[in-house]
Amino acid sequence: MRTIILRLIYPTTRLGLNNMQRHTNSATIRNLLIFSAVAVSAGWIGWELDHLAGSSHILGPGQLFWLVMPFVTAVLLRTFGGDGWKDAGLRTGLKANALWYAFAFFVFPVSASIVVVIGLLSGLTLVPYFSTAMVGALLKAVIAGLPPSLLKNIFEEFAWRGYLAPRITSLGMNDLAGHALVGVVWAAWHVPYYLFFLDRPSFVSYTSLSFTAFFPMMFAGVIAMSLVYGEIRLLTQSVWPLLLLHTVSNAVGSPLLLGGLIKIAPGAEVLVSPGPGSVLSIILYSGIGAGLYRFRNRKVSGECCASQEKSNQRVKRKPLEKGVVRNGVKKKRGKNSPL
């Protein structure tokens, strides 16, 4: 079974792995399977814990269990499972990644604005009570939402981009396939949230779609977002820009989608919602992710070419002025010497 998995992950040109590499890859795959199983099942176990405790599913112990278990599992696997902390992305890299922090801060507000504007122009989205007071209320809601969003996303991002993404990358998997795989696990982890932990009025405010229509679009949207998150992770080698991106996305998206500031025509959420599960959002984030992927590959190619050129320059032989070495003997260069 392990051989089959390795052959699916690695190109045929990379199957010549020594025993130590095979052991390392097998251990990584084992840990990834453990992490994914815990992440996908955590919400369902949390739901059962709420039943046993007789507590509410909304902000109850089950929801807390669902939130923290991927993070706790990642810490345990890194500490005791042999994964280590080398690729955890704990360094901020503020100076080197300043532009990417700015990009992470603005990418969701700009993307959501584009989707909302297209919705307004198409008549599928309305802003029923637009006023300066409404804008002020939105800003206050965003600012108030930043601290809880930051706390929540520490658990999320240090699990998804702090553990799952870099451990998949360590296997040598194709980057786009790796991003998609992270997106599938990330989306599956969200399923119990929408089923159990989000109250019905909030879900209805978020979308008028049934669960059977909502979940396929949600999976596609989360996978598209995973392309953006994953590429920024590879470009910065840090989790912190993703923590910023996720925090701003939640702080802006929650009042926008759940606060009634915009109204989308029933059923049109599948087309023009600024949330991740609409056609426009999926196209937009897929395009951004593809653009980042091309940018990173060009950057890597350019760095490789520059490194190769420097290497070639170093190996060029310098001209000998005072003599030449032939057959291990240094001879002086005479006036009539052909050398």
C-alpha atoms as a PDB file:
ATOM      1  CA  MET A   1       0.000   0.000   0.000  1.00  0.00           C
ATOM      2  CA  ARG A   2       2.835   2.387   0.873  1.00  0.00           C
ATOM      3  CA  THR A   3       4.526   1.676  -2.457  1.00  0.00           C
ATOM      4  CA  ILE A   4       1.306   2.489  -4.331  1.00  0.00           C
ATOM      5  CA  ILE A   5       0.930   5.793  -2.455  1.00  0.00           C
ATOM      6  CA  LEU A   6       4.561   6.700  -3.131  1.00  0.00           C
ATOM      7  CA  ARG A   7       4.146   5.940  -6.848  1.00  0.00           C
ATOM      8  CA  LEU A   8       1.058   8.155  -6.995  1.00  0.00           C
ATOM      9  CA  ILE A   9       2.871  11.021  -5.275  1.00  0.00           C
ATOM     10  CA  TYR A  10       6.261  10.854  -6.961  1.00  0.00           C
ATOM     11  CA  PRO A  11       7.046  11.053 -10.677  1.00  0.00           C
ATOM     12  CA  THR A  12       8.736   7.965 -12.073  1.00  0.00           C
ATOM     13  CA  THR A  13      12.038   9.867 -12.257  1.00  0.00           C
ATOM     14  CA  ARG A  14      12.031  10.251  -8.494  1.00  0.00           C
ATOM     15  CA  LEU A  15      11.368   6.652  -7.525  1.00  0.00           C
ATOM     16  CA  GLY A  16      15.043   5.988  -6.909  1.00  0.00           C
ATOM     17  CA  LEU A  17      14.775   6.765  -3.212  1.00  0.00           C
ATOM     18  CA  ASN A  18      17.254   5.362  -0.725  1.00  0.00           C
ATOM     19  CA  ASN A  19      16.013   3.492   2.316  1.00  0.00           C
ATOM     20  CA  MET A  20      16.225   6.508   4.615  1.00  0.00           C
ATOM     21  CA  GLN A  21      14.200   8.674   2.198  1.00  0.00           C
ATOM     22  CA  ARG A  22      11.585   5.935   1.837  1.00  0.00           C
ATOM     23  CA  HIS A  23      11.317   5.628   5.613  1.00  0.00           C
ATOM     24  CA  THR A  24      10.975   9.411   6.002  1.00  0.00           C
ATOM     25  CA  ASN A  25       8.293   9.631   3.313  1.00  0.00           C
ATOM     26  CA  SER A  26       6.376   6.713   4.801  1.00  0.00           C
ATOM     27  CA  ALA A  27       6.443   8.354   8.236  1.00  0.00           C
ATOM     28  CA  THR A  28       5.277  11.654   6.735  1.00  0.00           C
ATOM     29  CA  ILE A  29       2.400   9.967   4.900  1.00  0.00           C
ATOM     30  CA  ARG A  30       1.432   8.144   8.094  1.00  0.00           C
ATOM     31  CA  ASN A  31       1.370  11.423  10.044  1.00  0.00           C
ATOM     32  CA  LEU A  32      -0.583  13.188   7.309  1.00  0.00           C
ATOM     33  CA  LEU A  33      -3.210  10.446   7.378  1.00  0.00           C
ATOM     34  CA  ILE A  34      -3.444  10.751  11.176  1.00  0.00           C
ATOM     35  CA  PHE A  35      -3.763  14.531  10.991  1.00  0.00           C
ATOM     36  CA  SER A  36      -6.389  14.426   8.228  1.00  0.00           C
ATOM     37  CA  ALA A  37      -8.449  11.777  10.036  1.00  0.00           C
ATOM     38  CA  VAL A  38      -8.469  13.836  13.246  1.00  0.00           C
ATOM     39  CA  ALA A  39      -9.278  17.076  11.398  1.00  0.00           C
ATOM     40  CA  VAL A  40     -12.160  15.609   9.394  1.00  0.00           C
ATOM     41  CA  SER A  41     -13.696  13.755  12.371  1.00  0.00           C
ATOM     42  CA  ALA A  42     -13.168  16.430  15.056  1.00  0.00           C
ATOM     43  CA  GLY A  43     -16.452  18.245  14.410  1.00  0.00           C
ATOM     44  CA  TRP A  44     -18.482  15.044  14.425  1.00  0.00           C
ATOM     45  CA  ILE A  45     -16.860  13.956  17.684  1.00  0.00           C
ATOM     46  CA  GLY A  46     -17.498  17.427  19.097  1.00  0.00           C
ATOM     47  CA  TRP A  47     -21.156  17.165  18.130  1.00  0.00           C
ATOM     48  CA  GLU A  48     -21.389  13.857  20.022  1.00  0.00           C
ATOM     49  CA  LEU A  49     -19.610  15.384  23.027  1.00  0.00           C
ATOM     50  CA  ASP A  50     -22.256  18.118  23.150  1.00  0.00           C
ATOM     51  CA  HIS A  51     -24.957  15.441  23.095  1.00  0.00           C
ATOM     52  CA  LEU A  52     -23.351  13.540  25.947  1.00  0.00           C
ATOM     53  CA  ALA A  53     -22.871  16.718  27.986  1.00  0.00           C
ATOM     54  CA  GLY A  54     -26.359  17.972  27.188  1.00  0.00           C
ATOM     55  CA  SER A  55     -24.941  21.354  26.104  1.00  0.00           C
ATOM     56  CA  SER A  56     -25.758  23.616  23.215  1.00  0.00           C
ATOM     57  CA  HIS A  57     -23.908  23.069  19.945  1.00  0.00           C
ATOM     58  CA  ILE A  58     -23.522  26.852  19.525  1.00  0.00           C
ATOM     59  CA  LEU A  59     -20.271  27.943  21.221  1.00  0.00           C
ATOM     60  CA  GLY A  60     -20.293  24.766  23.303  1.00  0.00           C
ATOM     61  CA  PRO A  61     -17.435  22.409  24.221  1.00  0.00           C
ATOM     62  CA  GLY A  62     -17.995  20.444  21.012  1.00  0.00           C
ATOM     63  CA  GLN A  63     -17.252  23.488  18.878  1.00  0.00           C
ATOM     64  CA  LEU A  64     -14.119  24.201  20.915  1.00  0.00           C
ATOM     65  CA  PHE A  65     -12.995  20.592  20.396  1.00  0.00           C
ATOM     66  CA  TRP A  66     -13.624  20.952  16.646  1.00  0.00           C
ATOM     67  CA  LEU A  67     -11.557  24.146  16.495  1.00  0.00           C
ATOM     68  CA  VAL A  68      -8.478  23.131  18.490  1.00  0.00           C
ATOM     69  CA  MET A  69      -7.978  19.452  17.623  1.00  0.00           C
ATOM     70  CA  PRO A  70      -6.215  19.959  14.246  1.00  0.00           C
ATOM     71  CA  PHE A  71      -3.803  22.383  15.942  1.00  0.00           C
ATOM     72  CA  VAL A  72      -3.199  20.066  18.904  1.00  0.00           C
ATOM     73  CA  THR A  73      -2.628  17.122  16.552  1.00  0.00           C
ATOM     74  CA  ALA A  74      -0.120  19.140  14.503  1.00  0.00           C
ATOM     75  CA  VAL A  75       1.834  20.074  17.647  1.00  0.00           C
ATOM     76  CA  LEU A  76       1.906  16.449  18.833  1.00  0.00           C
ATOM     77  CA  LEU A  77       3.020  15.113  15.448  1.00  0.00           C
ATOM     78  CA  ARG A  78       5.764  17.709  15.127  1.00  0.00           C
ATOM     79  CA  THR A  79       6.977  17.090  18.676  1.00  0.00           C
ATOM     80  CA  PHE A  80       6.611  13.326  19.019  1.00  0.00           C
ATOM     81  CA  GLY A  81       5.802  12.015  15.531  1.00  0.00           C
ATOM     82  CA  GLY A  82       9.136  12.804  13.908  1.00  0.00           C
ATOM     83  CA  ASP A  83       8.040  15.740  11.730  1.00  0.00           C
ATOM     84  CA  GLY A  84      10.069  18.328  13.635  1.00  0.00           C
ATOM     85  CA  TRP A  85       9.598  22.090  13.484  1.00  0.00           C
ATOM     86  CA  LYS A  86      11.949  23.076  10.669  1.00  0.00           C
ATOM     87  CA  ASP A  87       9.207  23.811   8.106  1.00  0.00           C
ATOM     88  CA  ALA A  88       6.578  25.135  10.539  1.00  0.00           C
ATOM     89  CA  GLY A  89       6.892  28.701   9.197  1.00  0.00           C
ATOM     90  CA  LEU A  90       7.205  30.317  12.628  1.00  0.00           C
ATOM     91  CA  ARG A  91       9.463  33.174  11.528  1.00  0.00           C
ATOM     92  CA  THR A  92       7.625  36.351  10.605  1.00  0.00           C
ATOM     93  CA  GLY A  93      10.103  37.616   7.984  1.00  0.00           C
ATOM     94  CA  LEU A  94       8.556  41.074   8.251  1.00  0.00           C
ATOM     95  CA  LYS A  95      11.325  42.867   6.369  1.00  0.00           C
ATOM     96  CA  ALA A  96      11.642  40.373   3.534  1.00  0.00           C
ATOM     97  CA  ASN A  97       7.883  39.775   3.244  1.00  0.00           C
ATOM     98  CA  ALA A  98       6.541  43.296   3.794  1.00  0.00           C
ATOM     99  CA  LEU A  99       4.858  43.416   0.374  1.00  0.00           C
ATOM    100  CA  TRP A 100       3.245  40.032   0.940  1.00  0.00           C
ATOM    101  CA  TYR A 101       1.856  41.154   4.285  1.00  0.00           C
ATOM    102  CA  ALA A 102       0.283  44.110   2.488  1.00  0.00           C
ATOM    103  CA  PHE A 103      -1.047  41.794  -0.210  1.00  0.00           C
ATOM    104  CA  ALA A 104      -2.502  39.482   2.447  1.00  0.00           C
ATOM    105  CA  PHE A 105      -4.193  42.416   4.177  1.00  0.00           C
ATOM    106  CA  PHE A 106      -5.922  43.727   1.054  1.00  0.00           C
ATOM    107  CA  VAL A 107      -6.641  40.624  -1.035  1.00  0.00           C
ATOM    108  CA  PHE A 108      -9.994  39.738   0.544  1.00  0.00           C
ATOM    109  CA  PRO A 109     -11.425  43.284   0.882  1.00  0.00           C
ATOM    110  CA  VAL A 110     -10.519  44.020  -2.748  1.00  0.00           C
ATOM    111  CA  SER A 111     -11.816  40.663  -4.016  1.00  0.00           C
ATOM    112  CA  ALA A 112     -15.058  40.972  -2.043  1.00  0.00           C
ATOM    113  CA  SER A 113     -15.534  44.520  -3.329  1.00  0.00           C
ATOM    114  CA  ILE A 114     -15.142  43.332  -6.928  1.00  0.00           C
ATOM    115  CA  VAL A 115     -17.764  40.612  -6.397  1.00  0.00           C
ATOM    116  CA  VAL A 116     -20.177  43.038  -4.686  1.00  0.00           C
ATOM    117  CA  VAL A 117     -19.794  45.631  -7.450  1.00  0.00           C
ATOM    118  CA  ILE A 118     -20.463  43.004 -10.136  1.00  0.00           C
ATOM    119  CA  GLY A 119     -23.509  41.887  -8.162  1.00  0.00           C
ATOM    120  CA  LEU A 120     -24.778  45.472  -7.938  1.00  0.00           C
ATOM    121  CA  LEU A 121     -24.260  46.062 -11.662  1.00  0.00           C
ATOM    122  CA  SER A 122     -26.092  42.841 -12.506  1.00  0.00           C
ATOM    123  CA  GLY A 123     -28.965  43.675 -10.179  1.00  0.00           C
ATOM    124  CA  LEU A 124     -28.461  40.466  -8.179  1.00  0.00           C
ATOM    125  CA  THR A 125     -27.086  42.309  -5.141  1.00  0.00           C
ATOM    126  CA  LEU A 126     -28.667  45.205  -3.285  1.00  0.00           C
ATOM    127  CA  VAL A 127     -27.469  47.529  -0.547  1.00  0.00           C
ATOM    128  CA  PRO A 128     -30.825  48.349   1.063  1.00  0.00           C
ATOM    129  CA  TYR A 129     -29.723  50.938   3.626  1.00  0.00           C
ATOM    130  CA  PHE A 130     -26.620  52.591   2.237  1.00  0.00           C
ATOM    131  CA  SER A 131     -25.504  55.611   4.266  1.00  0.00           C
ATOM    132  CA  THR A 132     -22.451  57.002   6.004  1.00  0.00           C
ATOM    133  CA  ALA A 133     -23.856  55.563   9.235  1.00  0.00           C
ATOM    134  CA  MET A 134     -23.946  52.117   7.621  1.00  0.00           C
ATOM    135  CA  VAL A 135     -20.316  52.449   6.517  1.00  0.00           C
ATOM    136  CA  GLY A 136     -19.387  53.488  10.044  1.00  0.00           C
ATOM    137  CA  ALA A 137     -21.262  50.511  11.479  1.00  0.00           C
ATOM    138  CA  LEU A 138     -19.412  48.190   9.084  1.00  0.00           C
ATOM    139  CA  LEU A 139     -16.025  49.589  10.122  1.00  0.00           C
ATOM    140  CA  LYS A 140     -16.909  49.223  13.798  1.00  0.00           C
ATOM    141  CA  ALA A 141     -18.034  45.640  13.226  1.00  0.00           C
ATOM    142  CA  VAL A 142     -14.810  44.851  11.354  1.00  0.00           C
ATOM    143  CA  ILE A 143     -12.623  46.323  14.113  1.00  0.00           C
ATOM    144  CA  ALA A 144     -14.619  44.530  16.810  1.00  0.00           C
ATOM    145  CA  GLY A 145     -14.289  41.271  14.888  1.00  0.00           C
ATOM    146  CA  LEU A 146     -10.507  41.373  14.545  1.00  0.00           C
ATOM    147  CA  PRO A 147      -9.509  40.053  18.035  1.00  0.00           C
ATOM    148  CA  PRO A 148     -11.806  36.990  18.081  1.00  0.00           C
ATOM    149  CA  SER A 149     -10.968  36.275  14.446  1.00  0.00           C
ATOM    150  CA  LEU A 150      -7.248  36.444  15.236  1.00  0.00           C
ATOM    151  CA  LEU A 151      -7.617  34.050  18.168  1.00  0.00           C
ATOM    152  CA  LYS A 152      -9.641  31.550  16.122  1.00  0.00           C
ATOM    153  CA  ASN A 153      -7.302  31.662  13.163  1.00  0.00           C
ATOM    154  CA  ILE A 154      -4.196  30.993  15.243  1.00  0.00           C
ATOM    155  CA  PHE A 155      -5.615  27.492  15.697  1.00  0.00           C
ATOM    156  CA  GLU A 156      -6.601  27.242  12.039  1.00  0.00           C
ATOM    157  CA  GLU A 157      -3.568  28.599  10.243  1.00  0.00           C
ATOM    158  CA  PHE A 158      -0.941  26.877  12.380  1.00  0.00           C
ATOM    159  CA  ALA A 159      -2.752  23.646  11.549  1.00  0.00           C
ATOM    160  CA  TRP A 160      -3.429  24.125   7.810  1.00  0.00           C
ATOM    161  CA  ARG A 161      -0.490  26.249   6.645  1.00  0.00           C
ATOM    162  CA  GLY A 162       1.726  25.572   9.663  1.00  0.00           C
ATOM    163  CA  TYR A 163       1.497  21.795   9.380  1.00  0.00           C
ATOM    164  CA  LEU A 164      -0.593  20.241   6.608  1.00  0.00           C
ATOM    165  CA  ALA A 165       0.658  22.353   3.671  1.00  0.00           C
ATOM    166  CA  PRO A 166       4.420  22.152   4.373  1.00  0.00           C
ATOM    167  CA  ARG A 167       4.305  18.444   5.208  1.00  0.00           C
ATOM    168  CA  ILE A 168       2.588  17.731   1.883  1.00  0.00           C
ATOM    169  CA  THR A 169       5.193  19.919   0.158  1.00  0.00           C
ATOM    170  CA  SER A 170       7.969  17.894   1.815  1.00  0.00           C
ATOM    171  CA  LEU A 171       6.812  14.827  -0.138  1.00  0.00           C
ATOM    172  CA  GLY A 172       7.642  16.492  -3.450  1.00  0.00           C
ATOM    173  CA  MET A 173       4.048  16.512  -4.635  1.00  0.00           C
ATOM    174  CA  ASN A 174       3.069  18.879  -7.438  1.00  0.00           C
ATOM    175  CA  ASP A 175       2.345  22.234  -5.788  1.00  0.00           C
ATOM    176  CA  LEU A 176      -1.107  22.729  -7.299  1.00  0.00           C
ATOM    177  CA  ALA A 177      -2.136  19.193  -6.363  1.00  0.00           C
ATOM    178  CA  GLY A 178      -0.832  19.828  -2.861  1.00  0.00           C
ATOM    179  CA  HIS A 179      -2.875  23.030  -2.533  1.00  0.00           C
ATOM    180  CA  ALA A 180      -5.978  21.182  -3.720  1.00  0.00           C
ATOM    181  CA  LEU A 181      -5.427  18.380  -1.207  1.00  0.00           C
ATOM    182  CA  VAL A 182      -5.088  20.900   1.628  1.00  0.00           C
ATOM    183  CA  GLY A 183      -8.290  22.542   0.385  1.00  0.00           C
ATOM    184  CA  VAL A 184     -10.207  19.250   0.461  1.00  0.00           C
ATOM    185  CA  VAL A 185      -9.229  18.542   4.081  1.00  0.00           C
ATOM    186  CA  TRP A 186      -9.843  22.179   5.049  1.00  0.00           C
ATOM    187  CA  ALA A 187     -13.319  22.123   3.465  1.00  0.00           C
ATOM    188  CA  ALA A 188     -14.208  18.745   4.997  1.00  0.00           C
ATOM    189  CA  TRP A 189     -13.269  20.138   8.403  1.00  0.00           C
ATOM    190  CA  HIS A 190     -15.833  22.954   7.871  1.00  0.00           C
ATOM    191  CA  VAL A 191     -18.771  20.613   7.157  1.00  0.00           C
ATOM    192  CA  PRO A 192     -19.781  20.018  10.819  1.00  0.00           C
ATOM    193  CA  TYR A 193     -19.556  23.757  11.451  1.00  0.00           C
ATOM    194  CA  TYR A 194     -22.307  24.490   8.944  1.00  0.00           C
ATOM    195  CA  LEU A 195     -24.331  21.449   9.969  1.00  0.00           C
ATOM    196  CA  PHE A 196     -24.165  21.795  13.755  1.00  0.00           C
ATOM    197  CA  PHE A 197     -22.256  24.795  15.112  1.00  0.00           C
ATOM    198  CA  LEU A 198     -23.666  27.653  13.013  1.00  0.00           C
ATOM    199  CA  ASP A 199     -27.188  28.590  14.071  1.00  0.00           C
ATOM    200  CA  ARG A 200     -29.895  28.313  11.417  1.00  0.00           C
ATOM    201  CA  PRO A 201     -30.736  32.063  11.206  1.00  0.00           C
ATOM    202  CA  SER A 202     -27.067  32.836  10.496  1.00  0.00           C
ATOM    203  CA  PHE A 203     -26.862  30.112   7.866  1.00  0.00           C
ATOM    204  CA  VAL A 204     -30.007  31.435   6.164  1.00  0.00           C
ATOM    205  CA  SER A 205     -28.494  34.939   6.207  1.00  0.00           C
ATOM    206  CA  TYR A 206     -25.350  33.496   4.639  1.00  0.00           C
ATOM    207  CA  THR A 207     -27.091  31.534   1.868  1.00  0.00           C
ATOM    208  CA  SER A 208     -30.528  30.438   0.725  1.00  0.00           C
ATOM    209  CA  LEU A 209     -29.086  27.268  -0.844  1.00  0.00           C
ATOM    210  CA  SER A 210     -29.848  23.835   0.532  1.00  0.00           C
ATOM    211  CA  PHE A 211     -27.009  21.820   2.037  1.00  0.00           C
ATOM    212  CA  THR A 212     -26.867  19.580  -1.038  1.00  0.00           C
ATOM    213  CA  ALA A 213     -26.301  22.621  -3.271  1.00  0.00           C
ATOM    214  CA  PHE A 214     -24.185  24.560  -0.793  1.00  0.00           C
ATOM    215  CA  PHE A 215     -21.515  21.993   0.079  1.00  0.00           C
ATOM    216  CA  PRO A 216     -20.191  21.282  -3.458  1.00  0.00           C
ATOM    217  CA  MET A 217     -19.810  25.026  -4.046  1.00  0.00           C
ATOM    218  CA  MET A 218     -18.206  25.464  -0.633  1.00  0.00           C
ATOM    219  CA  PHE A 219     -15.657  22.734  -1.396  1.00  0.00           C
ATOM    220  CA  ALA A 220     -14.802  24.327  -4.750  1.00  0.00           C
ATOM    221  CA  GLY A 221     -14.460  27.751  -3.136  1.00  0.00           C
ATOM    222  CA  VAL A 222     -12.242  26.560  -0.295  1.00  0.00           C
ATOM    223  CA  ILE A 223      -9.993  24.712  -2.749  1.00  0.00           C
ATOM    224  CA  ALA A 224      -9.690  27.921  -4.817  1.00  0.00           C
ATOM    225  CA  MET A 225      -8.822  29.878  -1.676  1.00  0.00           C
ATOM    226  CA  SER A 226      -6.301  27.197  -0.747  1.00  0.00           C
ATOM    227  CA  LEU A 227      -4.412  27.981  -3.978  1.00  0.00           C
ATOM    228  CA  VAL A 228      -3.966  31.585  -2.829  1.00  0.00           C
ATOM    229  CA  TYR A 229      -3.070  30.675   0.751  1.00  0.00           C
ATOM    230  CA  GLY A 230      -0.707  27.909  -0.353  1.00  0.00           C
ATOM    231  CA  GLU A 231       1.175  30.080  -2.851  1.00  0.00           C
ATOM    232  CA  ILE A 232       1.651  32.874  -0.313  1.00  0.00           C
ATOM    233  CA  ARG A 233       2.940  30.235   2.118  1.00  0.00           C
ATOM    234  CA  LEU A 234       5.518  29.067  -0.432  1.00  0.00           C
ATOM    235  CA  LEU A 235       6.510  32.613  -1.381  1.00  0.00           C
ATOM    236  CA  THR A 236       7.014  33.783   2.210  1.00  0.00           C
ATOM    237  CA  GLN A 237       7.925  30.548   4.001  1.00  0.00           C
ATOM    238  CA  SER A 238       5.866  31.896   6.900  1.00  0.00           C
ATOM    239  CA  VAL A 239       2.438  31.283   8.442  1.00  0.00           C
ATOM    240  CA  TRP A 240       2.011  34.848   9.692  1.00  0.00           C
ATOM    241  CA  PRO A 241       0.900  36.484   6.407  1.00  0.00           C
ATOM    242  CA  LEU A 242      -1.779  33.770   6.128  1.00  0.00           C
ATOM    243  CA  LEU A 243      -2.898  34.443   9.686  1.00  0.00           C
ATOM    244  CA  LEU A 244      -3.313  38.106   8.705  1.00  0.00           C
ATOM    245  CA  LEU A 245      -5.187  37.201   5.495  1.00  0.00           C
ATOM    246  CA  HIS A 246      -7.554  34.820   7.281  1.00  0.00           C
ATOM    247  CA  THR A 247      -8.181  37.232  10.154  1.00  0.00           C
ATOM    248  CA  VAL A 248      -9.052  40.134   7.859  1.00  0.00           C
ATOM    249  CA  SER A 249     -11.210  37.857   5.680  1.00  0.00           C
ATOM    250  CA  ASN A 250     -13.315  36.720   8.642  1.00  0.00           C
ATOM    251  CA  ALA A 251     -13.507  40.160  10.247  1.00  0.00           C
ATOM    252  CA  VAL A 252     -14.722  41.745   6.991  1.00  0.00           C
ATOM    253  CA  GLY A 253     -16.760  38.835   5.653  1.00  0.00           C
ATOM    254  CA  SER A 254     -18.851  38.098   8.755  1.00  0.00           C
ATOM    255  CA  PRO A 255     -20.580  41.508   9.064  1.00  0.00           C
ATOM    256  CA  LEU A 256     -20.818  41.796   5.285  1.00  0.00           C
ATOM    257  CA  LEU A 257     -22.536  38.427   4.834  1.00  0.00           C
ATOM    258  CA  LEU A 258     -24.293  37.912   8.171  1.00  0.00           C
ATOM    259  CA  GLY A 259     -25.022  41.491   9.193  1.00  0.00           C
ATOM    260  CA  GLY A 260     -27.536  42.247   6.456  1.00  0.00           C
ATOM    261  CA  LEU A 261     -25.425  45.022   4.925  1.00  0.00           C
ATOM    262  CA  ILE A 262     -25.935  43.523   1.477  1.00  0.00           C
ATOM    263  CA  LYS A 263     -28.876  41.538   0.137  1.00  0.00           C
ATOM    264  CA  ILE A 264     -28.395  38.942  -2.565  1.00  0.00           C
ATOM    265  CA  ALA A 265     -31.346  37.671  -4.576  1.00  0.00           C
ATOM    266  CA  PRO A 266     -32.452  34.209  -3.374  1.00  0.00           C
ATOM    267  CA  GLY A 267     -30.464  31.539  -5.189  1.00  0.00           C
ATOM    268  CA  ALA A 268     -28.039  34.095  -6.652  1.00  0.00           C
ATOM    269  CA  GLU A 269     -25.513  33.402  -3.868  1.00  0.00           C
ATOM    270  CA  VAL A 270     -24.182  30.673  -6.098  1.00  0.00           C
ATOM    271  CA  LEU A 271     -23.136  33.397  -8.570  1.00  0.00           C
ATOM    272  CA  VAL A 272     -22.280  36.645  -6.784  1.00  0.00           C
ATOM    273  CA  SER A 273     -21.698  36.048  -3.082  1.00  0.00           C
ATOM    274  CA  PRO A 274     -18.415  37.516  -1.735  1.00  0.00           C
ATOM    275  CA  GLY A 275     -18.113  34.330   0.308  1.00  0.00           C
ATOM    276  CA  PRO A 276     -15.855  31.576  -1.050  1.00  0.00           C
ATOM    277  CA  GLY A 277     -18.641  29.395  -2.489  1.00  0.00           C
ATOM    278  CA  SER A 278     -19.842  31.519  -5.412  1.00  0.00           C
ATOM    279  CA  VAL A 279     -18.899  31.194  -9.057  1.00  0.00           C
ATOM    280  CA  LEU A 280     -17.366  34.677  -9.153  1.00  0.00           C
ATOM    281  CA  SER A 281     -15.312  34.082  -6.001  1.00  0.00           C
ATOM    282  CA  ILE A 282     -14.085  30.718  -7.264  1.00  0.00           C
ATOM    283  CA  ILE A 283     -13.004  32.252 -10.585  1.00  0.00           C
ATOM    284  CA  LEU A 284     -11.373  35.205  -8.857  1.00  0.00           C
ATOM    285  CA  TYR A 285      -9.413  33.181  -6.306  1.00  0.00           C
ATOM    286  CA  SER A 286      -8.427  30.567  -8.872  1.00  0.00           C
ATOM    287  CA  GLY A 287      -7.079  33.365 -11.067  1.00  0.00           C
ATOM    288  CA  ILE A 288      -5.165  34.952  -8.196  1.00  0.00           C
ATOM    289  CA  GLY A 289      -3.757  31.563  -7.192  1.00  0.00           C
ATOM    290  CA  ALA A 290      -2.697  30.773 -10.763  1.00  0.00           C
ATOM    291  CA  GLY A 291      -1.061  34.187 -11.066  1.00  0.00           C
ATOM    292  CA  LEU A 292       0.877  33.683  -7.838  1.00  0.00           C
ATOM    293  CA  TYR A 293       1.905  30.203  -9.000  1.00  0.00           C
ATOM    294  CA  ARG A 294       3.307  31.570 -12.275  1.00  0.00           C
ATOM    295  CA  PHE A 295       5.024  34.450 -10.485  1.00  0.00           C
ATOM    296  CA  ARG A 296       6.709  32.109  -7.999  1.00  0.00           C
ATOM    297  CA  ASN A 297       7.888  29.706 -10.706  1.00  0.00           C
ATOM    298  CA  ARG A 298       9.326  32.548 -12.771  1.00  0.00           C
ATOM    299  CA  LYS A 299      11.041  33.864  -9.679  1.00  0.00           C
ATOM    300  CA  VAL A 300      12.525  30.450  -8.897  1.00  0.00           C
ATOM    301  CA  SER A 301      13.631  30.007 -12.529  1.00  0.00           C
ATOM    302  CA  GLY A 302      15.258  33.436 -12.506  1.00  0.00           C
ATOM    303  CA  GLU A 303      17.086  32.685  -9.268  1.00  0.00           C
ATOM    304  CA  CYS A 304      18.283  29.343 -10.632  1.00  0.00           C
ATOM    305  CA  CYS A 305      19.571  30.962 -13.846  1.00  0.00           C
ATOM    306  CA  ALA A 306      21.370  33.677 -11.867  1.00  0.00           C
ATOM    307  CA  SER A 307      22.915  31.075  -9.570  1.00  0.00           C
ATOM    308  CA  GLN A 308      24.041  28.957 -12.545  1.00  0.00           C
ATOM    309  CA  GLU A 309      25.598  31.969 -14.253  1.00  0.00           C
ATOM    310  CA  LYS A 310      27.554  32.851 -11.131  1.00  0.00           C
ATOM    311  CA  SER A 311      28.703  29.250 -10.860  1.00  0.00           C
ATOM    312  CA  ASN A 312      29.832  29.266 -14.498  1.00  0.00           C
ATOM    313  CA  GLN A 313      31.759  32.480 -13.969  1.00  0.00           C
ATOM    314  CA  ARG A 314      33.558  31.012 -10.972  1.00  0.00           C
ATOM    315  CA  VAL A 315      34.747  27.937 -12.875  1.00  0.00           C
ATOM    316  CA  LYS A 316      36.155  29.929 -15.792  1.00  0.00           C
ATOM    317  CA  ARG A 317      39.934  29.756 -15.749  1.00  0.00           C
ATOM    318  CA  LYS A 318      41.675  33.038 -15.142  1.00  0.00           C
ATOM    319  CA  PRO A 319      44.395  33.977 -17.691  1.00  0.00           C
ATOM    320  CA  LEU A 320      47.899  33.204 -16.524  1.00  0.00           C
ATOM    321  CA  GLU A 321      50.178  36.203 -16.795  1.00  0.00           C
ATOM    322  CA  LYS A 322      53.514  35.049 -15.413  1.00  0.00           C
ATOM    323  CA  GLY A 323      53.487  31.471 -16.554  1.00  0.00           C
ATOM    324  CA  VAL A 324      51.449  28.477 -17.447  1.00  0.00           C
ATOM    325  CA  VAL A 325      51.171  25.039 -15.951  1.00  0.00           C
ATOM    326  CA  ARG A 326      51.681  22.138 -18.306  1.00  0.00           C
ATOM    327  CA  ASN A 327      51.885  18.543 -17.158  1.00  0.00           C
ATOM    328  CA  GLY A 328      52.129  19.749 -13.589  1.00  0.00           C
ATOM    329  CA  VAL A 329      55.223  21.930 -14.283  1.00  0.00           C
ATOM    330  CA  LYS A 330      55.083  25.700 -14.229  1.00  0.00           C
ATOM    331  CA  LYS A 331      57.033  27.248 -17.108  1.00  0.00           C
ATOM    332  CA  LYS A 332      57.863  30.833 -17.808  1.00  0.00           C
ATOM    333  CA  ARG A 333      56.293  32.348 -20.857  1.00  0.00           C
ATOM    334  CA  GLY A 334      58.971  33.417 -23.314  1.00  0.00           C
ATOM    335  CA  LYS A 335      58.751  36.182 -25.902  1.00  0.00           C
ATOM    336  CA  ASN A 336      58.447  33.711 -28.769  1.00  0.00           C
ATOM    337  CA  SER A 337      56.419  31.167 -26.839  1.00  0.00           C
ATOM    338  CA  PRO A 338      53.300  30.066 -28.691  1.00  0.00           C
ATOM    339  CA  LEU A 339      51.599  30.024 -25.319  1.00  0.00           C
END
